[in-house]
Amino acid sequence: MFIAAAIVSILLALMLTFSAFGKLTKNPMQVASMTAVNFPVDKMWLLAIAELAGAAGLVVGLFWWPIGVAAAVGVVAYFLGAVVMHLRANDKNIAPAGVLMLAAAAAAVLAPLAA
């Protein structure tokens, strides 16, 4: 089970880091997505910090599973918020947030099983 937990956690951490980098550099695609859901572009750095914290927690969680579970639950909450924001704005582009939310849920389940 450790290999599955490691693969899911590392891939999710990489995706979160990539997404955070896009937010910090104000990537046009990220800005367009934030504008579509009426999120203030000047506050994107806060989302990037949350993503980086989640990524760090997922990696640390490979060595101490309670941190991994906490990080994964936080990432699930983060992406649940993203899905809600997209739905409230009538933006149908919820697939990326939904897939990452499911990956975070898988990481939360796999972390204690790998211990």
N, C-alpha and C. Protein backbone atom coordinates (compact mmCIF):
# COMPACT_ATOMS: atom_id res chain seq x y z
N MET A 1 0.81 -1.20 0.00
CA MET A 1 0.00 0.00 0.00
C MET A 1 0.85 1.27 0.00
N PHE A 2 2.08 1.15 0.53
CA PHE A 2 2.92 2.35 0.60
C PHE A 2 3.22 2.90 -0.79
N ILE A 3 3.44 2.01 -1.75
CA ILE A 3 3.77 2.47 -3.10
C ILE A 3 2.59 3.24 -3.70
N ALA A 4 1.39 2.75 -3.51
CA ALA A 4 0.20 3.45 -4.02
C ALA A 4 0.05 4.80 -3.34
N ALA A 5 0.22 4.84 -2.02
CA ALA A 5 0.12 6.10 -1.28
C ALA A 5 1.19 7.08 -1.74
N ALA A 6 2.39 6.58 -1.96
CA ALA A 6 3.49 7.45 -2.39
C ALA A 6 3.23 8.02 -3.78
N ILE A 7 2.75 7.18 -4.69
CA ILE A 7 2.48 7.65 -6.05
C ILE A 7 1.40 8.72 -6.05
N VAL A 8 0.29 8.45 -5.37
CA VAL A 8 -0.81 9.42 -5.33
C VAL A 8 -0.36 10.71 -4.65
N SER A 9 0.32 10.60 -3.52
CA SER A 9 0.75 11.79 -2.78
C SER A 9 1.75 12.61 -3.56
N ILE A 10 2.72 11.96 -4.18
CA ILE A 10 3.75 12.70 -4.92
C ILE A 10 3.17 13.36 -6.17
N LEU A 11 2.34 12.63 -6.91
CA LEU A 11 1.71 13.23 -8.09
C LEU A 11 0.83 14.41 -7.71
N LEU A 12 0.05 14.26 -6.65
CA LEU A 12 -0.80 15.35 -6.20
C LEU A 12 0.04 16.53 -5.73
N ALA A 13 1.12 16.27 -5.01
CA ALA A 13 2.00 17.35 -4.55
C ALA A 13 2.62 18.09 -5.74
N LEU A 14 3.00 17.36 -6.78
CA LEU A 14 3.55 18.00 -7.97
C LEU A 14 2.50 18.88 -8.66
N MET A 15 1.27 18.38 -8.77
CA MET A 15 0.21 19.17 -9.39
C MET A 15 -0.10 20.42 -8.58
N LEU A 16 -0.11 20.29 -7.26
CA LEU A 16 -0.36 21.45 -6.40
C LEU A 16 0.76 22.47 -6.54
N THR A 17 2.00 22.01 -6.61
CA THR A 17 3.13 22.91 -6.76
C THR A 17 3.07 23.63 -8.11
N PHE A 18 2.75 22.91 -9.16
CA PHE A 18 2.62 23.51 -10.48
C PHE A 18 1.51 24.56 -10.49
N SER A 19 0.38 24.23 -9.87
CA SER A 19 -0.74 25.17 -9.80
C SER A 19 -0.37 26.41 -8.99
N ALA A 20 0.34 26.21 -7.89
CA ALA A 20 0.77 27.35 -7.06
C ALA A 20 1.71 28.25 -7.84
N PHE A 21 2.62 27.66 -8.61
CA PHE A 21 3.55 28.45 -9.42
C PHE A 21 2.77 29.31 -10.42
N GLY A 22 1.74 28.73 -11.03
CA GLY A 22 0.91 29.48 -11.97
C GLY A 22 0.19 30.64 -11.31
N LYS A 23 -0.26 30.44 -10.09
CA LYS A 23 -0.93 31.52 -9.37
C LYS A 23 0.06 32.61 -8.97
N LEU A 24 1.24 32.22 -8.52
CA LEU A 24 2.24 33.21 -8.09
C LEU A 24 2.78 34.02 -9.26
N THR A 25 2.86 33.42 -10.43
CA THR A 25 3.36 34.13 -11.61
C THR A 25 2.23 34.75 -12.43
N LYS A 26 1.01 34.62 -11.95
CA LYS A 26 -0.18 35.16 -12.62
C LYS A 26 -0.27 34.68 -14.06
N ASN A 27 -0.18 33.37 -14.20
CA ASN A 27 -0.34 32.73 -15.50
C ASN A 27 -1.69 33.14 -16.09
N PRO A 28 -1.74 33.53 -17.37
CA PRO A 28 -3.00 33.99 -17.96
C PRO A 28 -4.16 32.99 -17.83
N MET A 29 -3.86 31.69 -17.91
CA MET A 29 -4.93 30.70 -17.75
C MET A 29 -5.47 30.71 -16.32
N GLN A 30 -4.57 30.86 -15.34
CA GLN A 30 -5.00 30.92 -13.94
C GLN A 30 -5.81 32.19 -13.70
N VAL A 31 -5.34 33.30 -14.25
CA VAL A 31 -6.06 34.57 -14.08
C VAL A 31 -7.45 34.47 -14.70
N ALA A 32 -7.55 33.86 -15.87
CA ALA A 32 -8.86 33.69 -16.52
C ALA A 32 -9.79 32.84 -15.67
N SER A 33 -9.26 31.78 -15.09
CA SER A 33 -10.07 30.91 -14.23
C SER A 33 -10.55 31.66 -12.99
N MET A 34 -9.66 32.44 -12.38
CA MET A 34 -10.04 33.20 -11.19
C MET A 34 -11.08 34.27 -11.53
N THR A 35 -10.91 34.90 -12.68
CA THR A 35 -11.86 35.92 -13.11
C THR A 35 -13.22 35.29 -13.38
N ALA A 36 -13.22 34.09 -13.95
CA ALA A 36 -14.48 33.40 -14.27
C ALA A 36 -15.29 33.09 -13.03
N VAL A 37 -14.63 32.86 -11.90
CA VAL A 37 -15.35 32.54 -10.66
C VAL A 37 -15.42 33.73 -9.71
N ASN A 38 -15.07 34.91 -10.22
CA ASN A 38 -15.14 36.16 -9.45
C ASN A 38 -14.24 36.14 -8.22
N PHE A 39 -13.08 35.50 -8.33
CA PHE A 39 -12.10 35.52 -7.24
C PHE A 39 -11.12 36.65 -7.52
N PRO A 40 -10.82 37.48 -6.50
CA PRO A 40 -9.91 38.61 -6.74
C PRO A 40 -8.49 38.14 -7.13
N VAL A 41 -8.03 38.60 -8.26
CA VAL A 41 -6.73 38.18 -8.79
C VAL A 41 -5.60 38.58 -7.84
N ASP A 42 -5.76 39.69 -7.14
CA ASP A 42 -4.69 40.13 -6.24
C ASP A 42 -4.60 39.27 -4.98
N LYS A 43 -5.52 38.35 -4.79
CA LYS A 43 -5.49 37.43 -3.64
C LYS A 43 -5.10 36.01 -4.04
N MET A 44 -4.69 35.82 -5.28
CA MET A 44 -4.31 34.47 -5.74
C MET A 44 -3.13 33.92 -4.96
N TRP A 45 -2.28 34.78 -4.46
CA TRP A 45 -1.12 34.31 -3.70
C TRP A 45 -1.55 33.54 -2.46
N LEU A 46 -2.70 33.88 -1.89
CA LEU A 46 -3.20 33.13 -0.73
C LEU A 46 -3.54 31.69 -1.10
N LEU A 47 -4.13 31.52 -2.26
CA LEU A 47 -4.43 30.17 -2.74
C LEU A 47 -3.14 29.40 -3.01
N ALA A 48 -2.14 30.09 -3.55
CA ALA A 48 -0.86 29.45 -3.82
C ALA A 48 -0.21 28.96 -2.53
N ILE A 49 -0.29 29.75 -1.48
CA ILE A 49 0.28 29.33 -0.19
C ILE A 49 -0.45 28.10 0.33
N ALA A 50 -1.77 28.08 0.20
CA ALA A 50 -2.54 26.91 0.65
C ALA A 50 -2.13 25.67 -0.15
N GLU A 51 -1.95 25.84 -1.46
CA GLU A 51 -1.54 24.70 -2.28
C GLU A 51 -0.14 24.21 -1.91
N LEU A 52 0.78 25.13 -1.67
CA LEU A 52 2.14 24.73 -1.29
C LEU A 52 2.16 24.05 0.07
N ALA A 53 1.33 24.53 0.99
CA ALA A 53 1.24 23.88 2.30
C ALA A 53 0.69 22.46 2.15
N GLY A 54 -0.32 22.30 1.31
CA GLY A 54 -0.87 20.97 1.07
C GLY A 54 0.15 20.04 0.44
N ALA A 55 0.91 20.56 -0.53
CA ALA A 55 1.95 19.75 -1.18
C ALA A 55 3.01 19.32 -0.18
N ALA A 56 3.45 20.25 0.65
CA ALA A 56 4.47 19.91 1.66
C ALA A 56 3.94 18.88 2.64
N GLY A 57 2.69 19.05 3.07
CA GLY A 57 2.09 18.10 4.00
C GLY A 57 1.96 16.71 3.42
N LEU A 58 1.63 16.63 2.14
CA LEU A 58 1.51 15.32 1.49
C LEU A 58 2.86 14.61 1.43
N VAL A 59 3.92 15.36 1.16
CA VAL A 59 5.25 14.75 1.10
C VAL A 59 5.72 14.33 2.49
N VAL A 60 5.54 15.21 3.48
CA VAL A 60 5.92 14.86 4.85
C VAL A 60 5.08 13.67 5.34
N GLY A 61 3.84 13.60 4.88
CA GLY A 61 2.95 12.52 5.27
C GLY A 61 3.42 11.14 4.83
N LEU A 62 4.33 11.09 3.89
CA LEU A 62 4.89 9.79 3.49
C LEU A 62 5.76 9.20 4.61
N PHE A 63 6.23 10.07 5.49
CA PHE A 63 7.10 9.63 6.59
C PHE A 63 6.36 9.57 7.92
N TRP A 64 5.29 10.36 8.05
CA TRP A 64 4.46 10.34 9.26
C TRP A 64 3.01 10.49 8.81
N TRP A 65 2.28 9.40 8.74
CA TRP A 65 0.97 9.38 8.09
C TRP A 65 -0.06 10.35 8.66
N PRO A 66 -0.08 10.70 9.96
CA PRO A 66 -1.10 11.66 10.40
C PRO A 66 -1.00 13.02 9.69
N ILE A 67 0.22 13.45 9.41
CA ILE A 67 0.39 14.71 8.67
C ILE A 67 -0.15 14.56 7.25
N GLY A 68 0.08 13.41 6.65
CA GLY A 68 -0.43 13.16 5.31
C GLY A 68 -1.94 13.18 5.25
N VAL A 69 -2.57 12.59 6.25
CA VAL A 69 -4.04 12.59 6.29
C VAL A 69 -4.55 14.02 6.47
N ALA A 70 -3.94 14.76 7.39
CA ALA A 70 -4.37 16.14 7.63
C ALA A 70 -4.20 16.99 6.37
N ALA A 71 -3.08 16.83 5.70
CA ALA A 71 -2.83 17.59 4.47
C ALA A 71 -3.84 17.20 3.40
N ALA A 72 -4.10 15.92 3.24
CA ALA A 72 -5.04 15.46 2.22
C ALA A 72 -6.45 15.96 2.50
N VAL A 73 -6.86 15.95 3.76
CA VAL A 73 -8.19 16.47 4.11
C VAL A 73 -8.25 17.96 3.81
N GLY A 74 -7.18 18.68 4.11
CA GLY A 74 -7.13 20.10 3.78
C GLY A 74 -7.22 20.35 2.29
N VAL A 75 -6.55 19.51 1.51
CA VAL A 75 -6.60 19.65 0.05
C VAL A 75 -8.00 19.31 -0.47
N VAL A 76 -8.66 18.33 0.12
CA VAL A 76 -10.05 18.03 -0.25
C VAL A 76 -10.92 19.25 0.01
N ALA A 77 -10.78 19.86 1.17
CA ALA A 77 -11.57 21.06 1.50
C ALA A 77 -11.27 22.20 0.52
N TYR A 78 -10.01 22.37 0.19
CA TYR A 78 -9.60 23.42 -0.75
C TYR A 78 -10.30 23.23 -2.10
N PHE A 79 -10.24 22.01 -2.63
CA PHE A 79 -10.84 21.77 -3.94
C PHE A 79 -12.36 21.69 -3.88
N LEU A 80 -12.93 21.33 -2.75
CA LEU A 80 -14.38 21.42 -2.59
C LEU A 80 -14.80 22.88 -2.70
N GLY A 81 -14.03 23.76 -2.07
CA GLY A 81 -14.29 25.19 -2.20
C GLY A 81 -14.17 25.66 -3.64
N ALA A 82 -13.21 25.12 -4.37
CA ALA A 82 -13.05 25.49 -5.78
C ALA A 82 -14.25 25.04 -6.60
N VAL A 83 -14.72 23.82 -6.35
CA VAL A 83 -15.90 23.33 -7.07
C VAL A 83 -17.11 24.21 -6.77
N VAL A 84 -17.30 24.55 -5.50
CA VAL A 84 -18.42 25.41 -5.12
C VAL A 84 -18.32 26.77 -5.81
N MET A 85 -17.13 27.35 -5.83
CA MET A 85 -16.95 28.65 -6.49
C MET A 85 -17.30 28.56 -7.98
N HIS A 86 -16.89 27.49 -8.64
CA HIS A 86 -17.21 27.33 -10.06
C HIS A 86 -18.72 27.18 -10.26
N LEU A 87 -19.37 26.40 -9.40
CA LEU A 87 -20.81 26.21 -9.54
C LEU A 87 -21.58 27.50 -9.25
N ARG A 88 -21.15 28.25 -8.24
CA ARG A 88 -21.82 29.52 -7.91
C ARG A 88 -21.72 30.52 -9.05
N ALA A 89 -20.62 30.47 -9.78
CA ALA A 89 -20.41 31.40 -10.89
C ALA A 89 -20.96 30.86 -12.21
N ASN A 90 -21.67 29.74 -12.14
CA ASN A 90 -22.20 29.07 -13.34
C ASN A 90 -21.10 28.75 -14.34
N ASP A 91 -19.92 28.45 -13.83
CA ASP A 91 -18.79 28.04 -14.67
C ASP A 91 -18.75 26.51 -14.64
N LYS A 92 -18.88 25.91 -15.78
CA LYS A 92 -18.97 24.44 -15.86
C LYS A 92 -17.60 23.75 -15.86
N ASN A 93 -16.53 24.50 -15.78
CA ASN A 93 -15.18 23.93 -15.82
C ASN A 93 -14.76 23.44 -14.43
N ILE A 94 -15.48 22.44 -13.91
CA ILE A 94 -15.19 21.94 -12.56
C ILE A 94 -14.38 20.64 -12.58
N ALA A 95 -14.14 20.10 -13.77
CA ALA A 95 -13.45 18.80 -13.84
C ALA A 95 -12.06 18.82 -13.19
N PRO A 96 -11.20 19.81 -13.46
CA PRO A 96 -9.88 19.78 -12.82
C PRO A 96 -9.96 19.78 -11.30
N ALA A 97 -10.78 20.65 -10.75
CA ALA A 97 -10.92 20.71 -9.29
C ALA A 97 -11.53 19.42 -8.75
N GLY A 98 -12.49 18.86 -9.46
CA GLY A 98 -13.12 17.63 -9.01
C GLY A 98 -12.16 16.45 -9.02
N VAL A 99 -11.35 16.35 -10.06
CA VAL A 99 -10.39 15.25 -10.15
C VAL A 99 -9.34 15.37 -9.05
N LEU A 100 -8.84 16.58 -8.83
CA LEU A 100 -7.84 16.77 -7.78
C LEU A 100 -8.44 16.54 -6.39
N MET A 101 -9.70 16.87 -6.22
CA MET A 101 -10.37 16.59 -4.95
C MET A 101 -10.45 15.08 -4.71
N LEU A 102 -10.77 14.33 -5.74
CA LEU A 102 -10.83 12.87 -5.62
C LEU A 102 -9.45 12.27 -5.36
N ALA A 103 -8.43 12.84 -5.99
CA ALA A 103 -7.06 12.36 -5.75
C ALA A 103 -6.65 12.63 -4.30
N ALA A 104 -7.05 13.78 -3.78
CA ALA A 104 -6.74 14.10 -2.37
C ALA A 104 -7.49 13.15 -1.44
N ALA A 105 -8.73 12.82 -1.78
CA ALA A 105 -9.49 11.87 -0.96
C ALA A 105 -8.80 10.50 -0.98
N ALA A 106 -8.30 10.10 -2.14
CA ALA A 106 -7.57 8.83 -2.23
C ALA A 106 -6.31 8.88 -1.37
N ALA A 107 -5.61 10.01 -1.37
CA ALA A 107 -4.40 10.14 -0.54
C ALA A 107 -4.75 10.05 0.94
N ALA A 108 -5.89 10.63 1.32
CA ALA A 108 -6.31 10.57 2.73
C ALA A 108 -6.62 9.14 3.16
N VAL A 109 -7.19 8.36 2.26
CA VAL A 109 -7.53 6.97 2.58
C VAL A 109 -6.28 6.09 2.58
N LEU A 110 -5.39 6.33 1.62
CA LEU A 110 -4.21 5.47 1.48
C LEU A 110 -3.15 5.71 2.56
N ALA A 111 -3.06 6.93 3.07
CA ALA A 111 -1.99 7.25 4.03
C ALA A 111 -2.00 6.33 5.25
N PRO A 112 -3.13 6.17 5.96
CA PRO A 112 -3.08 5.28 7.12
C PRO A 112 -2.95 3.80 6.74
N LEU A 113 -3.43 3.43 5.56
CA LEU A 113 -3.31 2.04 5.13
C LEU A 113 -1.86 1.67 4.83
N ALA A 114 -1.06 2.68 4.47
CA ALA A 114 0.34 2.43 4.14
C ALA A 114 1.23 2.38 5.37
N ALA A 115 0.71 2.79 6.50
CA ALA A 115 1.53 2.84 7.72
C ALA A 115 1.80 1.46 8.28
